[in-house]
Amino acid sequence: MRANCRPGNAGWQHDLSVSYANLAGRSTDVLQVIEPIFEPTFHPSSHGFRPHRGAHTAIAQAKEHLTAGYQTVVDPRRHDHIGPEPTLSLK
């Protein structure tokens, strides 16, 4: 931890640093408050930065879609609203 000090009264120095453990605890507190608010707004197929979801669940869901017969992937994040939607054929 690096000290961040500023001059105080009578020549004293005030430490303005925040310990990493304290910062991690605060971010966990914030997460516990906002996660229940925003989690229900995410699409069910969204896997990034969500509790109990990640790359492994995304791959498992992609395999389920392949088994169900889906053959095309559309990525709406890369759609420029001018040209055709970016697609990937899974054939």
C-alpha atoms as a PDB file:
ATOM      1  CA  MET A   1       0.000   0.000   0.000  1.00  0.00           C
ATOM      2  CA  ARG A   2       1.365   3.384  -0.987  1.00  0.00           C
ATOM      3  CA  ALA A   3       0.939   6.247   1.450  1.00  0.00           C
ATOM      4  CA  ASN A   4      -1.048   9.255   0.277  1.00  0.00           C
ATOM      5  CA  CYS A   5      -0.651  12.039   2.810  1.00  0.00           C
ATOM      6  CA  ARG A   6      -1.669  15.661   3.008  1.00  0.00           C
ATOM      7  CA  PRO A   7      -0.522  18.293   5.477  1.00  0.00           C
ATOM      8  CA  GLY A   8      -2.710  18.726   8.513  1.00  0.00           C
ATOM      9  CA  ASN A   9      -2.894  20.981  11.548  1.00  0.00           C
ATOM     10  CA  ALA A  10       0.267  21.576  13.577  1.00  0.00           C
ATOM     11  CA  GLY A  11       2.439  19.773  11.040  1.00  0.00           C
ATOM     12  CA  TRP A  12       0.633  16.423  11.276  1.00  0.00           C
ATOM     13  CA  GLN A  13       0.219  14.297   8.165  1.00  0.00           C
ATOM     14  CA  HIS A  14      -3.180  12.756   7.340  1.00  0.00           C
ATOM     15  CA  ASP A  15      -3.062   9.363   5.645  1.00  0.00           C
ATOM     16  CA  LEU A  16      -5.520   9.287   2.711  1.00  0.00           C
ATOM     17  CA  SER A  17      -4.718   5.780   1.504  1.00  0.00           C
ATOM     18  CA  VAL A  18      -7.291   2.983   1.401  1.00  0.00           C
ATOM     19  CA  SER A  19      -6.156  -0.572   2.015  1.00  0.00           C
ATOM     20  CA  TYR A  20      -6.769  -3.088  -0.759  1.00  0.00           C
ATOM     21  CA  ALA A  21      -8.697  -5.329   1.646  1.00  0.00           C
ATOM     22  CA  ASN A  22     -10.988  -2.435   2.563  1.00  0.00           C
ATOM     23  CA  LEU A  23     -11.526  -1.591  -1.112  1.00  0.00           C
ATOM     24  CA  ALA A  24     -12.328  -5.237  -1.963  1.00  0.00           C
ATOM     25  CA  GLY A  25     -14.816  -5.378   0.892  1.00  0.00           C
ATOM     26  CA  ARG A  26     -16.557  -2.242  -0.319  1.00  0.00           C
ATOM     27  CA  SER A  27     -16.825  -3.519  -3.892  1.00  0.00           C
ATOM     28  CA  THR A  28     -18.363  -6.751  -2.561  1.00  0.00           C
ATOM     29  CA  ASP A  29     -20.883  -4.708  -0.577  1.00  0.00           C
ATOM     30  CA  VAL A  30     -21.843  -2.700  -3.667  1.00  0.00           C
ATOM     31  CA  LEU A  31     -22.165  -5.897  -5.715  1.00  0.00           C
ATOM     32  CA  GLN A  32     -24.517  -7.445  -3.162  1.00  0.00           C
ATOM     33  CA  VAL A  33     -26.777  -4.401  -3.405  1.00  0.00           C
ATOM     34  CA  ILE A  34     -26.882  -3.871  -7.176  1.00  0.00           C
ATOM     35  CA  GLU A  35     -26.715  -7.469  -8.427  1.00  0.00           C
ATOM     36  CA  PRO A  36     -30.319  -8.370  -7.425  1.00  0.00           C
ATOM     37  CA  ILE A  37     -31.504  -5.188  -9.144  1.00  0.00           C
ATOM     38  CA  PHE A  38     -29.818  -5.730 -12.509  1.00  0.00           C
ATOM     39  CA  GLU A  39     -29.548  -9.534 -12.767  1.00  0.00           C
ATOM     40  CA  PRO A  40     -33.219 -10.041 -13.806  1.00  0.00           C
ATOM     41  CA  THR A  41     -32.796  -7.559 -16.678  1.00  0.00           C
ATOM     42  CA  PHE A  42     -30.166  -9.641 -18.507  1.00  0.00           C
ATOM     43  CA  HIS A  43     -31.163 -11.922 -21.363  1.00  0.00           C
ATOM     44  CA  PRO A  44     -31.192 -15.622 -20.388  1.00  0.00           C
ATOM     45  CA  SER A  45     -28.506 -16.379 -22.990  1.00  0.00           C
ATOM     46  CA  SER A  46     -26.120 -13.759 -21.554  1.00  0.00           C
ATOM     47  CA  HIS A  47     -23.196 -15.445 -19.800  1.00  0.00           C
ATOM     48  CA  GLY A  48     -20.482 -12.811 -19.238  1.00  0.00           C
ATOM     49  CA  PHE A  49     -19.809 -11.483 -15.737  1.00  0.00           C
ATOM     50  CA  ARG A  50     -22.880 -13.122 -14.224  1.00  0.00           C
ATOM     51  CA  PRO A  51     -23.119 -15.316 -11.132  1.00  0.00           C
ATOM     52  CA  HIS A  52     -22.826 -19.039 -11.851  1.00  0.00           C
ATOM     53  CA  ARG A  53     -22.321 -18.345 -15.579  1.00  0.00           C
ATOM     54  CA  GLY A  54     -19.328 -17.980 -17.807  1.00  0.00           C
ATOM     55  CA  ALA A  55     -17.536 -19.493 -20.777  1.00  0.00           C
ATOM     56  CA  HIS A  56     -18.368 -23.064 -19.761  1.00  0.00           C
ATOM     57  CA  THR A  57     -22.107 -22.425 -19.566  1.00  0.00           C
ATOM     58  CA  ALA A  58     -22.010 -20.485 -22.845  1.00  0.00           C
ATOM     59  CA  ILE A  59     -20.324 -23.428 -24.602  1.00  0.00           C
ATOM     60  CA  ALA A  60     -22.809 -25.863 -23.070  1.00  0.00           C
ATOM     61  CA  GLN A  61     -25.715 -23.744 -24.320  1.00  0.00           C
ATOM     62  CA  ALA A  62     -24.153 -23.510 -27.814  1.00  0.00           C
ATOM     63  CA  LYS A  63     -23.887 -27.314 -27.906  1.00  0.00           C
ATOM     64  CA  GLU A  64     -27.565 -27.569 -26.901  1.00  0.00           C
ATOM     65  CA  HIS A  65     -28.505 -25.235 -29.774  1.00  0.00           C
ATOM     66  CA  LEU A  66     -26.485 -27.327 -32.244  1.00  0.00           C
ATOM     67  CA  THR A  67     -28.201 -30.494 -31.006  1.00  0.00           C
ATOM     68  CA  ALA A  68     -31.585 -28.761 -31.394  1.00  0.00           C
ATOM     69  CA  GLY A  69     -30.802 -28.077 -35.051  1.00  0.00           C
ATOM     70  CA  TYR A  70     -29.848 -24.401 -35.072  1.00  0.00           C
ATOM     71  CA  GLN A  71     -27.421 -23.669 -37.916  1.00  0.00           C
ATOM     72  CA  THR A  72     -26.754 -19.909 -37.799  1.00  0.00           C
ATOM     73  CA  VAL A  73     -25.367 -17.530 -35.182  1.00  0.00           C
ATOM     74  CA  VAL A  74     -26.292 -13.828 -35.241  1.00  0.00           C
ATOM     75  CA  ASP A  75     -24.235 -11.374 -33.220  1.00  0.00           C
ATOM     76  CA  PRO A  76     -26.421  -8.272 -32.645  1.00  0.00           C
ATOM     77  CA  ARG A  77     -23.582  -6.384 -30.938  1.00  0.00           C
ATOM     78  CA  ARG A  78     -21.794  -6.058 -34.273  1.00  0.00           C
ATOM     79  CA  HIS A  79     -24.827  -5.028 -36.307  1.00  0.00           C
ATOM     80  CA  ASP A  80     -24.199  -1.636 -37.936  1.00  0.00           C
ATOM     81  CA  HIS A  81     -27.854  -1.052 -38.953  1.00  0.00           C
ATOM     82  CA  ILE A  82     -26.704  -0.427 -42.536  1.00  0.00           C
ATOM     83  CA  GLY A  83     -25.461  -3.696 -43.980  1.00  0.00           C
ATOM     84  CA  PRO A  84     -26.601  -7.268 -43.401  1.00  0.00           C
ATOM     85  CA  GLU A  85     -26.458  -8.723 -39.900  1.00  0.00           C
ATOM     86  CA  PRO A  86     -23.170 -10.481 -39.203  1.00  0.00           C
ATOM     87  CA  THR A  87     -23.877 -14.201 -39.210  1.00  0.00           C
ATOM     88  CA  LEU A  88     -21.809 -17.363 -38.877  1.00  0.00           C
ATOM     89  CA  SER A  89     -22.919 -20.580 -40.521  1.00  0.00           C
ATOM     90  CA  LEU A  90     -22.441 -23.653 -38.367  1.00  0.00           C
ATOM     91  CA  LYS A  91     -22.708 -26.112 -41.250  1.00  0.00           C
END
